[in-house]
N, C-alpha and C. Protein backbone atom coordinates (compact mmCIF):
# COMPACT_ATOMS: atom_id res chain seq x y z
N MET A 1 -27.20 -12.59 20.54
CA MET A 1 -26.21 -12.28 19.60
C MET A 1 -26.06 -13.37 18.62
N VAL A 2 -25.83 -12.97 17.42
CA VAL A 2 -25.75 -13.98 16.29
C VAL A 2 -24.26 -14.43 16.13
N GLU A 3 -24.08 -15.56 16.12
CA GLU A 3 -22.63 -15.91 15.95
C GLU A 3 -22.39 -16.11 14.44
N VAL A 4 -21.29 -15.45 13.88
CA VAL A 4 -20.95 -15.73 12.51
C VAL A 4 -19.84 -16.45 12.28
N ASP A 5 -19.69 -17.37 11.49
CA ASP A 5 -18.58 -18.27 11.21
C ASP A 5 -17.42 -17.64 10.52
N TYR A 6 -16.42 -17.67 10.99
CA TYR A 6 -15.18 -16.83 10.42
C TYR A 6 -14.24 -17.94 9.84
N ASP A 7 -14.00 -17.78 8.45
CA ASP A 7 -13.26 -18.51 7.75
C ASP A 7 -11.92 -17.83 7.59
N PRO A 8 -10.73 -18.31 8.38
CA PRO A 8 -9.46 -17.46 8.23
C PRO A 8 -9.05 -17.58 6.86
N GLU A 9 -9.48 -18.39 5.72
CA GLU A 9 -8.89 -18.30 4.48
C GLU A 9 -10.00 -17.61 3.52
N GLN A 10 -10.91 -16.90 4.03
CA GLN A 10 -11.78 -16.17 3.22
C GLN A 10 -11.36 -14.89 2.82
N ILE A 11 -11.35 -14.52 1.59
CA ILE A 11 -10.80 -13.15 1.01
C ILE A 11 -11.43 -12.08 1.72
N ASN A 12 -10.69 -11.18 2.27
CA ASN A 12 -11.01 -9.82 2.76
C ASN A 12 -11.29 -8.93 1.76
N TRP A 13 -12.59 -8.84 1.31
CA TRP A 13 -12.84 -7.98 0.16
C TRP A 13 -12.69 -6.58 0.50
N VAL A 14 -12.75 -6.09 1.72
CA VAL A 14 -12.66 -4.61 1.99
C VAL A 14 -11.14 -4.36 1.71
N ARG A 15 -10.23 -5.23 2.41
CA ARG A 15 -8.80 -5.01 2.43
C ARG A 15 -8.39 -5.18 0.98
N SER A 16 -8.96 -5.81 0.01
CA SER A 16 -8.69 -6.06 -1.28
C SER A 16 -9.08 -5.05 -2.23
N ILE A 17 -9.72 -4.16 -1.86
CA ILE A 17 -10.36 -2.96 -2.75
C ILE A 17 -9.08 -2.27 -3.38
N PRO A 18 -8.04 -1.96 -2.72
CA PRO A 18 -6.92 -1.26 -3.48
C PRO A 18 -6.46 -2.07 -4.45
N PHE A 19 -6.15 -3.25 -4.24
CA PHE A 19 -5.60 -4.32 -5.05
C PHE A 19 -6.40 -4.30 -6.50
N ILE A 20 -7.73 -4.64 -6.28
CA ILE A 20 -8.64 -4.64 -7.29
C ILE A 20 -8.55 -3.27 -8.13
N ALA A 21 -8.66 -2.20 -7.29
CA ALA A 21 -8.96 -0.80 -8.00
C ALA A 21 -7.67 -0.36 -8.79
N VAL A 22 -6.51 -0.86 -8.44
CA VAL A 22 -5.35 -0.60 -9.15
C VAL A 22 -5.31 -1.46 -10.41
N HIS A 23 -5.74 -2.69 -10.52
CA HIS A 23 -5.80 -3.39 -11.81
C HIS A 23 -6.88 -2.81 -12.74
N LEU A 24 -8.03 -2.55 -11.97
CA LEU A 24 -9.14 -1.95 -12.95
C LEU A 24 -8.65 -0.67 -13.56
N GLY A 25 -8.08 0.09 -12.73
CA GLY A 25 -7.65 1.30 -13.17
C GLY A 25 -6.72 1.29 -14.12
N ALA A 26 -5.96 0.34 -14.40
CA ALA A 26 -4.89 0.23 -15.49
C ALA A 26 -5.64 -0.17 -16.57
N ILE A 27 -6.74 -0.83 -16.63
CA ILE A 27 -7.56 -1.21 -17.81
C ILE A 27 -8.42 -0.08 -18.12
N VAL A 28 -8.99 0.56 -17.21
CA VAL A 28 -9.80 1.77 -17.74
C VAL A 28 -8.78 2.90 -18.25
N GLY A 29 -7.63 3.18 -17.60
CA GLY A 29 -6.61 4.03 -17.91
C GLY A 29 -6.17 3.75 -19.34
N ALA A 30 -5.93 2.62 -19.76
CA ALA A 30 -5.47 2.38 -21.12
C ALA A 30 -6.54 2.61 -22.08
N ILE A 31 -7.74 2.55 -21.73
CA ILE A 31 -8.83 2.92 -22.63
C ILE A 31 -9.02 4.36 -22.72
N TYR A 32 -9.17 5.15 -21.70
CA TYR A 32 -9.18 6.35 -21.50
C TYR A 32 -8.20 7.23 -22.00
N TYR A 33 -6.91 6.68 -21.71
CA TYR A 33 -5.62 7.47 -22.19
C TYR A 33 -4.80 6.54 -22.94
N PRO A 34 -5.22 6.33 -24.15
CA PRO A 34 -4.37 5.26 -25.08
C PRO A 34 -2.82 5.42 -24.84
N PRO A 35 -2.25 4.17 -24.64
CA PRO A 35 -0.75 4.35 -24.60
C PRO A 35 0.00 5.07 -25.89
N THR A 36 1.03 5.47 -25.45
CA THR A 36 2.00 5.87 -26.60
C THR A 36 3.39 5.03 -26.46
N TRP A 37 4.05 5.20 -27.47
CA TRP A 37 5.29 4.40 -27.60
C TRP A 37 6.24 4.88 -26.32
N GLY A 38 6.21 6.01 -26.00
CA GLY A 38 6.93 6.46 -24.71
C GLY A 38 6.36 5.79 -23.55
N LEU A 39 5.12 5.79 -23.30
CA LEU A 39 4.59 5.13 -22.28
C LEU A 39 4.79 3.68 -22.06
N VAL A 40 4.71 2.95 -23.37
CA VAL A 40 5.01 1.51 -23.30
C VAL A 40 6.51 1.30 -23.07
N ALA A 41 7.43 2.20 -23.53
CA ALA A 41 8.87 1.83 -23.19
C ALA A 41 9.03 2.09 -21.85
N LEU A 42 8.29 3.14 -21.07
CA LEU A 42 8.47 3.47 -19.70
C LEU A 42 7.97 2.27 -18.79
N ALA A 43 6.82 1.56 -19.36
CA ALA A 43 6.18 0.47 -18.58
C ALA A 43 6.86 -0.63 -18.61
N ALA A 44 7.69 -0.84 -19.87
CA ALA A 44 8.64 -1.96 -20.06
C ALA A 44 9.83 -1.93 -19.15
N ALA A 45 10.33 -0.65 -19.18
CA ALA A 45 11.56 -0.36 -18.25
C ALA A 45 11.29 -0.66 -16.84
N LEU A 46 10.15 -0.31 -16.39
CA LEU A 46 9.58 -0.28 -14.89
C LEU A 46 9.43 -1.63 -14.57
N TYR A 47 8.87 -2.43 -15.47
CA TYR A 47 8.60 -3.86 -15.32
C TYR A 47 9.87 -4.77 -15.09
N LEU A 48 11.03 -4.45 -16.11
CA LEU A 48 12.18 -5.05 -16.03
C LEU A 48 12.77 -4.76 -14.55
N VAL A 49 12.91 -3.54 -14.28
CA VAL A 49 13.61 -3.10 -12.90
C VAL A 49 12.73 -3.80 -11.82
N ARG A 50 11.44 -3.75 -11.82
CA ARG A 50 10.75 -4.39 -10.77
C ARG A 50 10.93 -5.89 -10.66
N MET A 51 10.93 -6.40 -11.88
CA MET A 51 11.29 -7.86 -11.76
C MET A 51 12.62 -8.20 -11.21
N TRP A 52 13.63 -7.37 -11.61
CA TRP A 52 15.03 -7.68 -10.89
C TRP A 52 14.92 -7.31 -9.48
N GLY A 53 14.17 -6.41 -9.05
CA GLY A 53 14.06 -6.27 -7.46
C GLY A 53 13.50 -7.51 -6.91
N SER A 54 12.47 -8.01 -7.53
CA SER A 54 11.70 -9.08 -7.14
C SER A 54 12.63 -10.55 -7.07
N ILE A 55 13.33 -10.62 -8.25
CA ILE A 55 13.89 -11.93 -8.57
C ILE A 55 15.39 -11.71 -7.71
N VAL A 56 16.22 -10.86 -8.03
CA VAL A 56 17.44 -10.77 -7.46
C VAL A 56 17.30 -10.52 -5.93
N GLY A 57 16.51 -9.51 -5.47
CA GLY A 57 16.53 -8.95 -4.18
C GLY A 57 15.66 -9.88 -3.23
N TYR A 58 14.34 -9.77 -3.62
CA TYR A 58 13.38 -10.52 -2.54
C TYR A 58 13.68 -11.97 -2.84
N HIS A 59 13.77 -12.60 -3.93
CA HIS A 59 13.88 -14.01 -3.91
C HIS A 59 15.20 -14.64 -3.61
N ARG A 60 16.30 -14.27 -4.58
CA ARG A 60 17.64 -14.82 -4.36
C ARG A 60 18.25 -14.37 -3.03
N ASP A 61 18.26 -13.07 -2.94
CA ASP A 61 19.15 -12.48 -1.67
C ASP A 61 18.27 -12.70 -0.42
N PHE A 62 17.08 -12.15 -0.23
CA PHE A 62 16.41 -12.16 1.01
C PHE A 62 15.77 -13.54 1.40
N SER A 63 15.21 -14.32 0.39
CA SER A 63 14.80 -15.52 0.67
C SER A 63 15.70 -16.62 0.83
N HIS A 64 16.71 -16.65 -0.16
CA HIS A 64 17.65 -17.83 -0.20
C HIS A 64 18.98 -17.58 0.10
N ARG A 65 19.32 -16.17 0.55
CA ARG A 65 20.66 -15.65 0.98
C ARG A 65 21.71 -16.38 -0.10
N SER A 66 21.41 -16.28 -1.36
CA SER A 66 22.31 -16.80 -2.31
C SER A 66 23.71 -16.20 -2.47
N PHE A 67 23.74 -14.78 -2.06
CA PHE A 67 24.88 -14.28 -2.22
C PHE A 67 25.08 -13.14 -1.12
N ARG A 68 26.35 -12.66 -1.14
CA ARG A 68 26.47 -11.53 0.11
C ARG A 68 26.77 -10.19 -0.72
N THR A 69 26.37 -9.27 -0.33
CA THR A 69 26.41 -7.95 -0.86
C THR A 69 26.55 -6.88 0.37
N SER A 70 26.85 -5.63 0.01
CA SER A 70 26.93 -4.73 1.02
C SER A 70 25.52 -4.21 1.45
N ARG A 71 25.46 -3.68 2.80
CA ARG A 71 24.33 -3.37 3.23
C ARG A 71 23.51 -2.19 2.53
N ALA A 72 24.28 -1.33 1.97
CA ALA A 72 23.87 -0.29 0.89
C ALA A 72 23.18 -0.96 -0.31
N PHE A 73 23.82 -1.90 -0.79
CA PHE A 73 23.17 -2.58 -1.83
C PHE A 73 22.12 -3.27 -1.58
N GLN A 74 21.94 -3.94 -0.39
CA GLN A 74 20.85 -4.86 0.23
C GLN A 74 19.67 -3.73 0.37
N LEU A 75 19.91 -2.48 0.69
CA LEU A 75 18.77 -1.46 0.75
C LEU A 75 18.26 -1.05 -0.67
N VAL A 76 19.19 -0.86 -1.35
CA VAL A 76 18.78 -0.68 -3.00
C VAL A 76 17.91 -1.85 -3.47
N MET A 77 18.16 -3.00 -3.25
CA MET A 77 17.39 -4.19 -3.61
C MET A 77 15.87 -4.13 -2.95
N ALA A 78 16.02 -3.87 -1.77
CA ALA A 78 14.70 -3.79 -0.85
C ALA A 78 13.83 -2.64 -1.55
N ILE A 79 14.45 -1.64 -1.76
CA ILE A 79 13.61 -0.47 -2.35
C ILE A 79 12.89 -0.73 -3.82
N VAL A 80 14.06 -1.43 -4.37
CA VAL A 80 13.43 -1.72 -5.80
C VAL A 80 12.41 -2.76 -5.79
N GLY A 81 12.77 -3.83 -4.88
CA GLY A 81 11.81 -4.75 -4.49
C GLY A 81 10.26 -4.29 -4.30
N LEU A 82 10.44 -3.19 -3.41
CA LEU A 82 9.10 -2.60 -2.80
C LEU A 82 8.35 -1.96 -4.09
N SER A 83 9.16 -1.53 -5.01
CA SER A 83 8.25 -1.04 -6.18
C SER A 83 7.46 -1.93 -6.83
N ALA A 84 7.56 -3.11 -6.91
CA ALA A 84 6.76 -4.13 -7.40
C ALA A 84 5.43 -4.49 -6.62
N VAL A 85 5.46 -3.68 -5.47
CA VAL A 85 4.17 -3.89 -4.70
C VAL A 85 3.94 -5.29 -4.49
N GLN A 86 4.86 -5.81 -3.81
CA GLN A 86 4.67 -7.40 -3.28
C GLN A 86 4.98 -7.56 -1.79
N LYS A 87 4.52 -6.38 -1.00
CA LYS A 87 4.57 -6.23 0.31
C LYS A 87 6.17 -6.11 0.54
N GLY A 88 6.46 -6.19 1.88
CA GLY A 88 7.87 -5.83 2.36
C GLY A 88 8.71 -6.88 2.11
N PRO A 89 10.14 -6.65 2.24
CA PRO A 89 11.13 -7.79 1.98
C PRO A 89 11.07 -8.91 3.06
N LEU A 90 10.72 -8.64 4.38
CA LEU A 90 10.77 -9.43 5.46
C LEU A 90 9.49 -10.39 5.18
N TRP A 91 8.41 -9.74 4.84
CA TRP A 91 7.08 -10.61 4.79
C TRP A 91 7.36 -11.34 3.57
N TRP A 92 7.85 -10.93 2.34
CA TRP A 92 8.06 -11.81 1.21
C TRP A 92 9.07 -13.02 1.53
N ALA A 93 10.28 -12.75 2.06
CA ALA A 93 11.21 -13.80 2.24
C ALA A 93 10.53 -14.68 3.40
N GLY A 94 10.04 -14.41 4.43
CA GLY A 94 9.28 -15.21 5.37
C GLY A 94 8.38 -16.18 4.84
N HIS A 95 7.54 -15.63 3.82
CA HIS A 95 6.47 -16.63 3.18
C HIS A 95 7.14 -17.38 2.20
N HIS A 96 8.20 -17.05 1.48
CA HIS A 96 8.91 -17.76 0.45
C HIS A 96 9.47 -18.87 1.17
N ARG A 97 10.24 -18.50 2.26
CA ARG A 97 10.97 -19.59 2.85
C ARG A 97 10.17 -20.73 3.46
N HIS A 98 9.01 -20.33 4.05
CA HIS A 98 7.84 -21.39 4.33
C HIS A 98 7.39 -22.14 3.16
N HIS A 99 7.23 -21.49 1.93
CA HIS A 99 6.88 -22.15 0.68
C HIS A 99 7.93 -23.17 0.30
N HIS A 100 9.39 -22.95 0.46
CA HIS A 100 10.19 -24.02 0.18
C HIS A 100 10.39 -25.03 1.19
N ARG A 101 9.96 -24.70 2.35
CA ARG A 101 10.14 -25.72 3.23
C ARG A 101 8.94 -26.74 3.27
N HIS A 102 7.86 -26.39 2.53
CA HIS A 102 6.57 -27.18 2.40
C HIS A 102 6.13 -27.43 0.97
N SER A 103 7.10 -27.16 0.06
CA SER A 103 6.64 -27.16 -1.48
C SER A 103 5.71 -28.28 -1.79
N ASP A 104 4.61 -27.91 -2.35
CA ASP A 104 3.56 -28.69 -2.84
C ASP A 104 3.08 -29.88 -1.86
N HIS A 105 3.12 -29.51 -0.67
CA HIS A 105 2.47 -30.06 0.57
C HIS A 105 1.35 -29.15 1.19
N GLU A 106 0.59 -29.63 2.02
CA GLU A 106 -0.50 -29.00 2.62
C GLU A 106 -0.37 -27.51 3.11
N PRO A 107 0.87 -27.38 4.03
CA PRO A 107 1.01 -26.13 4.42
C PRO A 107 1.54 -25.03 3.45
N ASP A 108 1.93 -25.46 2.17
CA ASP A 108 2.34 -24.46 0.93
C ASP A 108 1.09 -23.90 0.43
N VAL A 109 1.05 -22.49 0.94
CA VAL A 109 -0.11 -21.88 0.35
C VAL A 109 0.09 -21.31 -1.19
N HIS A 110 1.38 -21.23 -1.53
CA HIS A 110 1.67 -21.01 -3.02
C HIS A 110 1.44 -22.22 -4.10
N SER A 111 1.12 -23.19 -3.45
CA SER A 111 1.03 -24.42 -4.41
C SER A 111 -0.10 -24.74 -5.18
N PRO A 112 0.01 -24.72 -6.69
CA PRO A 112 -1.29 -25.02 -7.48
C PRO A 112 -1.68 -26.53 -7.21
N VAL A 113 -0.78 -27.35 -6.65
CA VAL A 113 -1.13 -28.70 -6.47
C VAL A 113 -1.83 -28.94 -5.40
N VAL A 114 -1.80 -28.25 -4.23
CA VAL A 114 -2.48 -28.28 -3.06
C VAL A 114 -3.84 -27.61 -3.28
N ARG A 115 -3.87 -26.55 -3.93
CA ARG A 115 -5.07 -25.70 -4.32
C ARG A 115 -5.13 -25.56 -5.73
N ASP A 116 -5.63 -24.43 -6.15
CA ASP A 116 -5.62 -24.16 -7.37
C ASP A 116 -4.64 -23.01 -8.04
N PHE A 117 -4.38 -22.89 -9.24
CA PHE A 117 -3.70 -21.89 -9.82
C PHE A 117 -3.90 -20.22 -9.35
N LEU A 118 -5.28 -20.06 -9.22
CA LEU A 118 -5.61 -18.77 -8.86
C LEU A 118 -5.31 -18.44 -7.43
N TRP A 119 -5.57 -19.46 -6.57
CA TRP A 119 -5.30 -19.46 -5.18
C TRP A 119 -3.74 -19.16 -5.10
N ALA A 120 -3.07 -20.04 -5.68
CA ALA A 120 -1.58 -20.23 -5.44
C ALA A 120 -0.80 -18.71 -5.81
N HIS A 121 -1.40 -18.20 -6.91
CA HIS A 121 -0.73 -16.96 -7.26
C HIS A 121 -1.42 -15.56 -6.78
N LEU A 122 -2.68 -15.62 -6.28
CA LEU A 122 -3.46 -14.52 -5.98
C LEU A 122 -4.43 -14.57 -4.72
N GLY A 123 -5.10 -15.61 -4.62
CA GLY A 123 -6.11 -15.73 -3.51
C GLY A 123 -5.53 -15.65 -2.03
N TRP A 124 -4.33 -16.19 -1.88
CA TRP A 124 -3.82 -16.35 -0.65
C TRP A 124 -3.26 -15.00 -0.01
N ILE A 125 -2.92 -14.03 -1.02
CA ILE A 125 -2.57 -12.72 -0.44
C ILE A 125 -3.59 -11.89 -0.12
N LEU A 126 -4.94 -12.27 -0.53
CA LEU A 126 -6.10 -11.33 -0.21
C LEU A 126 -6.75 -11.85 1.00
N VAL A 127 -6.18 -12.81 1.89
CA VAL A 127 -6.82 -13.21 3.10
C VAL A 127 -6.05 -12.92 4.09
N ASP A 128 -6.64 -12.42 5.37
CA ASP A 128 -6.24 -11.94 6.52
C ASP A 128 -5.07 -12.92 7.22
N LYS A 129 -5.38 -14.27 7.14
CA LYS A 129 -4.50 -15.20 7.67
C LYS A 129 -2.98 -15.08 7.36
N TYR A 130 -2.81 -14.71 6.16
CA TYR A 130 -1.29 -14.66 5.66
C TYR A 130 -0.79 -13.17 5.63
N ASN A 131 -1.51 -12.20 6.23
CA ASN A 131 -1.07 -10.91 6.28
C ASN A 131 0.05 -10.34 6.96
N ALA A 132 0.34 -11.13 8.16
CA ALA A 132 1.17 -10.72 9.08
C ALA A 132 2.73 -11.35 8.58
N THR A 133 3.84 -10.43 8.86
CA THR A 133 5.23 -10.83 8.53
C THR A 133 5.69 -12.05 9.60
N GLU A 134 5.97 -13.07 9.16
CA GLU A 134 6.41 -14.25 9.93
C GLU A 134 7.84 -14.06 10.47
N HIS A 135 8.14 -13.17 11.41
CA HIS A 135 9.43 -12.75 11.97
C HIS A 135 10.37 -13.99 12.32
N GLN A 136 9.83 -15.10 12.85
CA GLN A 136 10.57 -16.12 13.27
C GLN A 136 11.47 -16.67 12.19
N ARG A 137 10.82 -16.67 10.73
CA ARG A 137 11.37 -17.19 9.63
C ARG A 137 12.51 -16.14 9.05
N VAL A 138 12.61 -15.17 9.50
CA VAL A 138 13.47 -14.15 8.94
C VAL A 138 14.40 -13.58 9.95
N ARG A 139 14.74 -14.24 11.16
CA ARG A 139 15.62 -13.73 12.17
C ARG A 139 16.97 -13.10 11.53
N ASP A 140 17.47 -13.67 10.61
CA ASP A 140 18.70 -13.19 10.11
C ASP A 140 18.62 -11.84 9.51
N LEU A 141 17.29 -11.42 8.88
CA LEU A 141 16.98 -10.14 8.27
C LEU A 141 16.43 -9.21 9.33
N MET A 142 16.17 -9.62 10.43
CA MET A 142 15.43 -8.65 11.28
C MET A 142 16.50 -7.96 12.07
N LYS A 143 17.86 -8.21 12.04
CA LYS A 143 18.87 -7.33 12.59
C LYS A 143 19.14 -6.12 11.85
N PHE A 144 18.51 -5.82 10.74
CA PHE A 144 18.62 -4.67 9.78
C PHE A 144 17.42 -3.83 10.03
N PRO A 145 17.81 -2.66 10.87
CA PRO A 145 16.46 -1.77 11.10
C PRO A 145 15.92 -1.21 9.78
N GLU A 146 16.64 -0.92 8.67
CA GLU A 146 16.20 -0.34 7.55
C GLU A 146 15.10 -1.22 6.93
N LEU A 147 15.49 -2.61 7.13
CA LEU A 147 14.40 -3.68 6.38
C LEU A 147 13.45 -3.81 7.20
N ARG A 148 13.36 -3.74 8.48
CA ARG A 148 12.06 -3.66 9.44
C ARG A 148 11.32 -2.47 9.09
N TRP A 149 11.92 -1.48 8.90
CA TRP A 149 11.18 -0.09 8.58
C TRP A 149 10.28 -0.24 7.30
N LEU A 150 11.25 -0.71 6.26
CA LEU A 150 10.52 -0.95 4.96
C LEU A 150 9.50 -1.90 4.91
N ASP A 151 9.83 -2.85 5.70
CA ASP A 151 8.57 -3.99 5.63
C ASP A 151 7.35 -3.51 6.37
N ARG A 152 7.62 -2.76 7.40
CA ARG A 152 6.37 -2.03 8.14
C ARG A 152 5.87 -1.00 7.25
N TYR A 153 6.44 -0.20 6.46
CA TYR A 153 5.84 0.88 5.59
C TYR A 153 6.03 0.50 4.14
N HIS A 154 5.70 -0.62 3.99
CA HIS A 154 5.98 -1.24 2.54
C HIS A 154 5.31 -0.33 1.22
N LEU A 155 4.20 0.28 1.76
CA LEU A 155 3.47 1.15 0.76
C LEU A 155 4.14 2.68 0.35
N VAL A 156 5.26 2.88 1.20
CA VAL A 156 5.81 4.40 0.89
C VAL A 156 6.45 4.26 -0.60
N VAL A 157 7.24 3.39 -0.81
CA VAL A 157 7.92 3.35 -2.14
C VAL A 157 6.83 3.30 -3.33
N PRO A 158 6.14 2.30 -3.27
CA PRO A 158 5.18 2.47 -4.49
C PRO A 158 4.24 3.64 -4.57
N ILE A 159 3.88 4.31 -3.48
CA ILE A 159 2.95 5.42 -3.58
C ILE A 159 3.80 6.45 -4.15
N THR A 160 5.11 6.50 -3.65
CA THR A 160 6.07 7.60 -4.04
C THR A 160 6.34 7.62 -5.56
N ILE A 161 6.57 6.25 -5.94
CA ILE A 161 6.88 6.08 -7.54
C ILE A 161 5.65 6.60 -8.24
N GLY A 162 4.38 6.14 -7.76
CA GLY A 162 3.15 6.41 -8.38
C GLY A 162 2.90 7.88 -8.50
N GLY A 163 3.25 8.49 -7.46
CA GLY A 163 3.29 10.05 -7.32
C GLY A 163 4.17 10.77 -8.44
N ILE A 164 5.24 10.33 -8.47
CA ILE A 164 6.30 10.72 -9.37
C ILE A 164 5.93 10.42 -10.99
N LEU A 165 5.34 9.31 -11.04
CA LEU A 165 4.84 9.04 -12.42
C LEU A 165 3.59 9.74 -12.82
N TRP A 166 2.84 9.85 -11.89
CA TRP A 166 1.60 10.76 -12.10
C TRP A 166 2.16 12.20 -12.68
N ALA A 167 3.07 12.65 -11.73
CA ALA A 167 3.39 14.18 -11.97
C ALA A 167 4.34 14.16 -13.26
N THR A 168 4.86 13.23 -13.76
CA THR A 168 5.71 13.39 -14.91
C THR A 168 5.11 12.84 -15.95
N ALA A 169 4.20 11.74 -16.01
CA ALA A 169 3.44 11.22 -17.31
C ALA A 169 2.12 11.02 -17.07
N GLY A 170 1.51 11.85 -16.25
CA GLY A 170 0.06 11.71 -15.98
C GLY A 170 -0.82 12.02 -16.99
N PHE A 171 -2.11 12.01 -16.63
CA PHE A 171 -3.08 12.37 -17.60
C PHE A 171 -3.15 13.77 -18.15
N ARG A 172 -2.08 13.78 -19.01
CA ARG A 172 -2.22 15.23 -19.77
C ARG A 172 -1.90 15.05 -21.24
N PRO A 173 -2.20 15.85 -22.14
CA PRO A 173 -1.86 15.47 -23.45
C PRO A 173 -0.43 15.27 -23.72
N ILE A 174 -0.22 14.30 -24.44
CA ILE A 174 1.17 13.96 -24.95
C ILE A 174 1.08 14.01 -26.48
N ARG A 175 1.80 14.72 -27.09
CA ARG A 175 1.92 14.56 -28.56
C ARG A 175 2.71 13.86 -29.36
N GLU A 176 2.52 12.54 -29.05
CA GLU A 176 3.34 11.47 -29.64
C GLU A 176 2.20 10.61 -30.45
N LYS A 177 2.86 9.90 -31.29
CA LYS A 177 2.08 9.06 -32.15
C LYS A 177 1.36 7.87 -31.14
N ARG A 178 0.19 7.74 -31.13
CA ARG A 178 -0.49 6.70 -30.49
C ARG A 178 -0.54 5.40 -31.11
N PHE A 179 -0.84 4.28 -30.58
CA PHE A 179 -0.91 2.93 -31.12
C PHE A 179 -2.23 3.10 -32.20
């Protein structure tokens, strides 16, 4: 039997296929289906909403617990955060708390100082080593069953949004002025 060296920080190219395909699909889609002003406005609006979910929900509330809110609004922030396709709220908060505990030192996988810019912003999320949710770092959030469910099934929201967008603004002729 041949032994194969396994590097836990090697990019898992098979698991990365959907990530790569979505980005290539956006480029191909923009060429095949030139954008309209309406689609650009829709993309800008979705971008702003998703950034709000990531910044206010995932970052300020779940990672730093910067403010208190109702459980219902917490759920809204989690769902909007999920629409940014940055995994679940518990996974995100756990890794971000670790990042702040070790900022710009060896255990910090987000650091462009420890590694490089590409690894800090992209590479580390494509390796198996960091795929798991670090539950011990988010014990305060683990008490919410809805957050645990959303974390486990984090692709439900973006797939649903993608389906709705495809059904309403998909590849069909739109009679608007194109760029």
